[in-house]
Amino acid sequence: MQIEVDQSGKLENTGTHTVLAFSNDESRSVLIPAVEKRRCQQALRGKRGKQHIWVFQGFAAALFLLVGGTWGEVDTVVIDIEYPGRQGDIKGKLLELTNKSGQRQQVFFHKVGKRSVAHTRAMTT
């Protein structure tokens, strides 16, 4: 099964919630409240070089949680390009998490588009 993933509200924007959503035959979303994003940022404040790493690792972790128990059914993940130039960081962390759980998927970054059910779900959650 292939899924598309889109995001609404950047993780580093701590003044608004972030929603990640996926779609195919079904759709699902996960909400990351602004207060939780501020807590992550605060916890890393003062740790040299760590302030922005949480964004990419957090994005990968949220993707992993979003797909949840359906990882066994997923063979391809198409992720909207949210962080140009950082796809390798995100993909590496996501594959690290899925490999630990015994799953193997192909991960691609591609423009999902506004007509995608994932985009609609991310914007309306």
Protein backbone atom coordinates (compact mmCIF):
# COMPACT_ATOMS: atom_id res chain seq x y z
CA MET A 1 0.00 0.00 0.00
CA GLN A 2 1.19 3.54 -0.78
CA ILE A 3 0.33 6.52 1.41
CA GLU A 4 0.74 10.26 0.95
CA VAL A 5 1.68 12.49 3.89
CA ASP A 6 1.18 16.24 4.29
CA GLN A 7 1.72 18.71 7.12
CA SER A 8 -0.12 21.83 8.25
CA GLY A 9 1.71 24.21 10.58
CA LYS A 10 5.48 23.88 10.70
CA LEU A 11 6.97 22.22 13.77
CA GLU A 12 9.31 25.14 14.39
CA ASN A 13 6.36 27.57 14.47
CA THR A 14 5.58 27.21 18.16
CA GLY A 15 2.67 29.66 18.04
CA THR A 16 0.39 27.24 16.19
CA HIS A 17 -0.49 23.55 16.25
CA THR A 18 1.03 21.12 13.76
CA VAL A 19 -1.02 18.46 12.01
CA LEU A 20 0.41 15.58 10.01
CA ALA A 21 -2.02 13.57 7.91
CA PHE A 22 -1.82 10.61 5.57
CA SER A 23 -4.22 9.29 2.99
CA ASN A 24 -4.85 6.44 0.64
CA ASP A 25 -8.10 4.44 0.94
CA GLU A 26 -8.35 5.73 4.49
CA SER A 27 -6.95 8.82 6.15
CA ARG A 28 -5.57 9.61 9.56
CA SER A 29 -4.02 12.60 11.28
CA VAL A 30 -1.97 13.43 14.35
CA LEU A 31 -2.02 16.79 16.15
CA ILE A 32 1.02 18.25 17.91
CA PRO A 33 -0.14 21.09 20.18
CA ALA A 34 1.80 24.35 20.15
CA VAL A 35 2.46 24.03 23.90
CA GLU A 36 4.24 20.70 23.36
CA LYS A 37 6.39 22.18 20.61
CA ARG A 38 7.39 25.01 22.96
CA ARG A 39 8.33 22.44 25.63
CA CYS A 40 10.62 20.65 23.16
CA GLN A 41 12.22 23.91 22.14
CA GLN A 42 12.69 24.96 25.79
CA ALA A 43 14.24 21.62 26.74
CA LEU A 44 16.84 22.01 24.00
CA ARG A 45 17.55 25.68 24.59
CA GLY A 46 21.17 26.19 25.49
CA LYS A 47 22.33 22.89 23.99
CA ARG A 48 24.69 24.02 21.28
CA GLY A 49 23.71 22.86 17.82
CA LYS A 50 20.60 21.04 19.03
CA GLN A 51 17.93 23.74 18.64
CA HIS A 52 16.82 22.79 15.13
CA ILE A 53 17.55 19.06 15.18
CA TRP A 54 14.35 18.45 17.14
CA VAL A 55 12.34 19.74 14.18
CA PHE A 56 13.55 17.05 11.77
CA GLN A 57 13.64 14.26 14.36
CA GLY A 58 10.23 15.35 15.63
CA PHE A 59 8.82 15.34 12.11
CA ALA A 60 10.11 11.79 11.55
CA ALA A 61 8.80 10.62 14.93
CA ALA A 62 5.39 12.16 14.23
CA LEU A 63 5.32 10.38 10.85
CA PHE A 64 6.13 7.10 12.56
CA LEU A 65 3.33 7.61 15.10
CA LEU A 66 0.91 8.78 12.42
CA VAL A 67 1.15 5.57 10.45
CA GLY A 68 1.11 3.60 13.72
CA GLY A 69 -0.14 0.03 13.53
CA THR A 70 -0.52 0.10 9.75
CA TRP A 71 3.24 0.06 9.04
CA GLY A 72 2.98 -3.63 8.16
CA GLU A 73 0.59 -2.78 5.32
CA VAL A 74 2.60 0.19 4.00
CA ASP A 75 5.32 -0.38 1.45
CA THR A 76 5.69 3.15 0.03
CA VAL A 77 5.50 6.51 1.80
CA VAL A 78 5.30 9.71 -0.26
CA ILE A 79 5.99 12.75 1.92
CA ASP A 80 5.30 16.31 0.87
CA ILE A 81 8.48 18.40 0.71
CA GLU A 82 8.16 20.41 3.92
CA TYR A 83 11.87 20.95 4.65
CA PRO A 84 13.83 21.29 1.38
CA GLY A 85 17.38 20.06 1.71
CA ARG A 86 16.64 18.14 4.92
CA GLN A 87 14.92 15.12 3.38
CA GLY A 88 17.96 12.95 4.16
CA ASP A 89 17.77 13.80 7.88
CA ILE A 90 14.05 13.04 7.99
CA LYS A 91 14.28 9.86 5.92
CA GLY A 92 17.23 8.58 7.95
CA LYS A 93 15.43 9.02 11.25
CA LEU A 94 12.17 7.57 9.90
CA LEU A 95 13.93 4.51 8.49
CA GLU A 96 15.80 4.10 11.77
CA LEU A 97 12.46 4.02 13.62
CA THR A 98 10.78 1.66 11.15
CA ASN A 99 13.77 -0.70 11.02
CA LYS A 100 13.72 -0.94 14.83
CA SER A 101 10.12 -2.07 14.58
CA GLY A 102 11.01 -4.66 11.93
CA GLN A 103 9.35 -2.81 9.06
CA ARG A 104 10.87 -1.81 5.73
CA GLN A 105 9.37 0.83 3.49
CA GLN A 106 10.38 2.92 0.52
CA VAL A 107 10.29 6.61 1.41
CA PHE A 108 10.04 9.33 -1.23
CA PHE A 109 9.70 13.10 -1.04
CA HIS A 110 7.47 14.66 -3.65
CA LYS A 111 5.06 17.57 -3.87
CA VAL A 112 1.74 16.14 -2.64
CA GLY A 113 -0.43 19.04 -3.83
CA LYS A 114 -3.56 20.75 -2.60
CA ARG A 115 -5.87 18.19 -4.23
CA SER A 116 -4.51 15.37 -2.10
CA VAL A 117 -6.78 13.94 0.59
CA ALA A 118 -3.75 14.14 2.93
CA HIS A 119 -3.53 17.90 2.32
CA THR A 120 -7.25 18.38 2.97
CA ARG A 121 -7.09 16.29 6.12
CA ALA A 122 -4.04 18.18 7.44
CA MET A 123 -5.67 21.55 6.82
CA THR A 124 -9.04 20.65 8.39
CA THR A 125 -7.90 18.81 11.52
